């Protein structure tokens, strides 16, 4: 059926036939791979791909559909793996002191200083840091995004982190001291 030009009615009818004939098999396969909670979503995503590639449907439809579902399962697992790695990294960097509620003003000053420090970096340093920290990419994948080797990316990341540390120190040093401001305000109020 390759090469045949479909009019919208034919395409809709063809898709409906494929869906009706194969949805249960795709759903059963998805359930066997990810469980019932996510299976329906994956089956729907599979047929979304089918709709987009309707003119590429081969004669052996079922293996093709299950291959699409398998790829979607793998993509989902990779995404969950990245989320788990990020959560684990956050757990490693979180201390008991971080969990204690501190002064909100101090947190605002520190956040503002960190954002000023990040903004003061070069575009390349910001991109390097945010690919790993905010977008959750492992350095191997981040290296592919910026178009360098993994080793070169590790060097870039190390240098960008050091520059960020220095920039944060400078930004915090330039931030007003809230305790001193409060003491000045109290002294002025008493006079």
Protein backbone atom coordinates (compact mmCIF):
# COMPACT_ATOMS: atom_id res chain seq x y z
CA UNK A 1 0.00 0.00 0.00
CA UNK A 2 3.03 2.18 -0.15
CA UNK A 3 2.98 4.86 -2.74
CA UNK A 4 -0.80 5.08 -2.83
CA UNK A 5 -2.12 8.59 -2.39
CA UNK A 6 -4.82 8.76 0.24
CA UNK A 7 -7.64 11.22 0.24
CA UNK A 8 -8.77 12.34 3.74
CA UNK A 9 -11.77 10.01 3.80
CA UNK A 10 -9.65 7.03 2.77
CA UNK A 11 -7.02 7.92 5.38
CA UNK A 12 -9.61 8.25 8.12
CA UNK A 13 -11.23 4.97 7.16
CA UNK A 14 -7.85 3.20 6.91
CA UNK A 15 -6.81 4.50 10.32
CA UNK A 16 -10.13 3.46 11.88
CA UNK A 17 -9.74 -0.03 10.46
CA UNK A 18 -6.16 -0.30 11.77
CA UNK A 19 -7.20 0.99 15.16
CA UNK A 20 -10.24 -1.28 15.50
CA UNK A 21 -8.31 -4.35 14.36
CA UNK A 22 -5.17 -3.80 16.46
CA UNK A 23 -5.82 -1.60 19.50
CA UNK A 24 -6.38 -4.52 21.89
CA UNK A 25 -3.14 -6.22 20.82
CA UNK A 26 -1.16 -3.01 21.21
CA UNK A 27 -2.76 -2.38 24.60
CA UNK A 28 -2.02 -5.92 25.77
CA UNK A 29 1.61 -5.58 24.69
CA UNK A 30 1.92 -2.22 26.45
CA UNK A 31 0.39 -3.66 29.62
CA UNK A 32 2.90 -6.48 29.59
CA UNK A 33 5.74 -3.97 29.41
CA UNK A 34 4.63 -1.11 31.70
CA UNK A 35 1.55 -2.16 33.60
CA UNK A 36 -2.03 -1.01 33.28
CA UNK A 37 -1.58 2.56 34.52
CA UNK A 38 0.57 3.71 31.61
CA UNK A 39 -0.48 1.16 28.98
CA UNK A 40 -3.49 3.09 27.66
CA UNK A 41 -1.41 6.22 27.25
CA UNK A 42 1.25 4.30 25.32
CA UNK A 43 -1.35 2.61 23.13
CA UNK A 44 -2.79 6.04 22.31
CA UNK A 45 0.68 7.40 21.55
CA UNK A 46 1.28 4.41 19.27
CA UNK A 47 -1.78 5.21 17.21
CA UNK A 48 -0.81 8.88 17.12
CA UNK A 49 2.41 7.76 15.42
CA UNK A 50 0.36 5.54 13.10
CA UNK A 51 -1.80 8.50 12.09
CA UNK A 52 1.29 10.59 11.34
CA UNK A 53 2.86 7.77 9.32
CA UNK A 54 -0.28 6.27 7.80
CA UNK A 55 1.22 6.16 4.31
CA UNK A 56 4.16 4.10 5.65
CA UNK A 57 2.11 1.25 7.15
CA UNK A 58 3.68 -2.02 6.00
CA UNK A 59 1.86 -5.19 5.07
CA UNK A 60 2.80 -6.83 8.39
CA UNK A 61 1.01 -4.33 10.60
CA UNK A 62 1.19 -6.00 14.01
CA UNK A 63 4.99 -6.25 14.26
CA UNK A 64 5.26 -2.65 13.09
CA UNK A 65 2.75 -1.46 15.70
CA UNK A 66 4.45 -3.40 18.48
CA UNK A 67 7.80 -1.99 17.39
CA UNK A 68 6.41 1.53 17.73
CA UNK A 69 5.04 0.68 21.17
CA UNK A 70 8.37 -0.86 22.17
CA UNK A 71 10.21 2.33 21.17
CA UNK A 72 7.73 4.44 23.15
CA UNK A 73 8.26 2.20 26.20
CA UNK A 74 12.03 2.67 25.87
CA UNK A 75 11.66 6.45 25.55
CA UNK A 76 9.49 6.54 28.67
CA UNK A 77 11.97 4.43 30.65
CA UNK A 78 14.85 6.67 29.60
CA UNK A 79 12.90 9.72 30.72
CA UNK A 80 12.06 8.08 34.05
CA UNK A 81 15.71 7.12 34.45
CA UNK A 82 16.78 10.74 33.92
CA UNK A 83 14.22 11.87 36.48
CA UNK A 84 15.44 9.27 38.98
CA UNK A 85 19.06 10.31 38.43
CA UNK A 86 18.14 13.94 39.03
CA UNK A 87 16.18 13.05 42.17
CA UNK A 88 19.09 10.98 43.45
CA UNK A 89 21.52 13.81 42.73
CA UNK A 90 19.27 16.21 44.60
CA UNK A 91 19.05 13.80 47.53
CA UNK A 92 22.85 13.60 47.65
CA UNK A 93 23.19 17.37 47.75
CA UNK A 94 20.42 17.93 50.29
CA UNK A 95 21.51 18.00 53.89
CA UNK A 96 19.47 18.05 57.08
CA UNK A 97 20.25 21.76 57.37
CA UNK A 98 18.63 22.31 53.96
CA UNK A 99 15.39 20.82 55.24
CA UNK A 100 15.19 23.19 58.20
CA UNK A 101 13.16 26.26 57.41
CA UNK A 102 15.46 29.25 57.37
CA UNK A 103 14.92 32.92 57.08
CA UNK A 104 13.00 33.58 53.87
CA UNK A 105 14.89 36.83 53.31
CA UNK A 106 18.20 34.96 53.33
CA UNK A 107 16.86 32.49 50.79
CA UNK A 108 15.68 35.33 48.55
CA UNK A 109 19.08 37.02 48.76
CA UNK A 110 20.88 33.75 47.99
CA UNK A 111 18.57 32.97 45.07
CA UNK A 112 18.95 36.47 43.67
CA UNK A 113 22.73 36.23 44.02
CA UNK A 114 22.76 32.85 42.27
CA UNK A 115 20.65 34.19 39.39
CA UNK A 116 22.88 37.29 39.07
CA UNK A 117 25.94 35.03 39.08
CA UNK A 118 24.45 32.78 36.40
CA UNK A 119 23.52 35.79 34.30
CA UNK A 120 27.09 37.11 34.55
CA UNK A 121 28.50 33.95 32.92
CA UNK A 122 29.09 33.55 29.20
CA UNK A 123 26.37 31.98 27.06
CA UNK A 124 28.51 28.86 26.67
CA UNK A 125 28.92 28.46 30.44
CA UNK A 126 25.21 29.04 31.06
CA UNK A 127 24.27 26.50 28.41
CA UNK A 128 26.71 23.94 29.80
CA UNK A 129 25.40 24.31 33.34
CA UNK A 130 21.71 24.41 32.48
CA UNK A 131 21.83 21.39 30.17
CA UNK A 132 22.99 19.30 33.13
CA UNK A 133 21.33 21.02 36.09
CA UNK A 134 18.00 22.23 34.73
CA UNK A 135 17.37 19.96 31.77
CA UNK A 136 18.69 16.85 33.50
CA UNK A 137 20.85 15.61 30.66
CA UNK A 138 23.77 13.36 31.53
CA UNK A 139 27.07 14.81 30.29
CA UNK A 140 27.20 12.21 27.48
CA UNK A 141 23.95 13.55 25.99
CA UNK A 142 24.75 17.18 26.77
CA UNK A 143 28.01 16.78 24.83
CA UNK A 144 25.95 15.73 21.82
CA UNK A 145 23.76 18.82 22.16
CA UNK A 146 26.71 21.23 22.15
CA UNK A 147 28.60 19.21 19.54
CA UNK A 148 31.74 18.18 21.38
CA UNK A 149 33.23 15.02 22.81
CA UNK A 150 32.19 13.77 26.22
CA UNK A 151 35.67 14.49 27.60
CA UNK A 152 35.59 18.05 26.29
CA UNK A 153 32.15 18.55 27.81
CA UNK A 154 33.38 17.35 31.22
CA UNK A 155 36.15 19.95 31.05
CA UNK A 156 33.66 22.66 30.05
CA UNK A 157 31.34 21.64 32.87
CA UNK A 158 34.12 21.67 35.46
CA UNK A 159 35.32 25.11 34.36
CA UNK A 160 31.78 26.51 34.19
CA UNK A 161 31.06 25.25 37.72
CA UNK A 162 34.21 26.93 39.05
CA UNK A 163 33.32 30.22 37.33
CA UNK A 164 29.80 30.00 38.75
CA UNK A 165 31.16 29.41 42.27
CA UNK A 166 33.36 32.51 41.99
CA UNK A 167 30.51 34.57 40.54
CA UNK A 168 28.19 33.52 43.38
CA UNK A 169 30.82 34.52 45.95
CA UNK A 170 31.09 37.94 44.30
CA UNK A 171 27.31 38.33 44.09
CA UNK A 172 26.82 37.34 47.73
CA UNK A 173 29.56 39.72 48.83
CA UNK A 174 27.80 42.52 46.93
CA UNK A 175 24.39 41.63 48.40
CA UNK A 176 23.22 43.82 51.27
CA UNK A 177 23.66 42.32 54.72
CA UNK A 178 20.13 41.96 56.12
CA UNK A 179 21.33 41.64 59.72
CA UNK A 180 23.30 44.87 59.44
CA UNK A 181 20.34 46.63 57.81
CA UNK A 182 18.05 45.47 60.65
CA UNK A 183 20.54 46.66 63.27
CA UNK A 184 20.83 50.04 61.54
CA UNK A 185 17.03 50.34 61.37
CA UNK A 186 16.70 49.42 65.07
CA UNK A 187 19.36 51.96 66.04
CA UNK A 188 17.72 54.65 64.00
CA UNK A 189 14.29 53.83 65.48
CA UNK A 190 15.67 54.20 69.03
CA UNK A 191 17.07 57.69 68.38
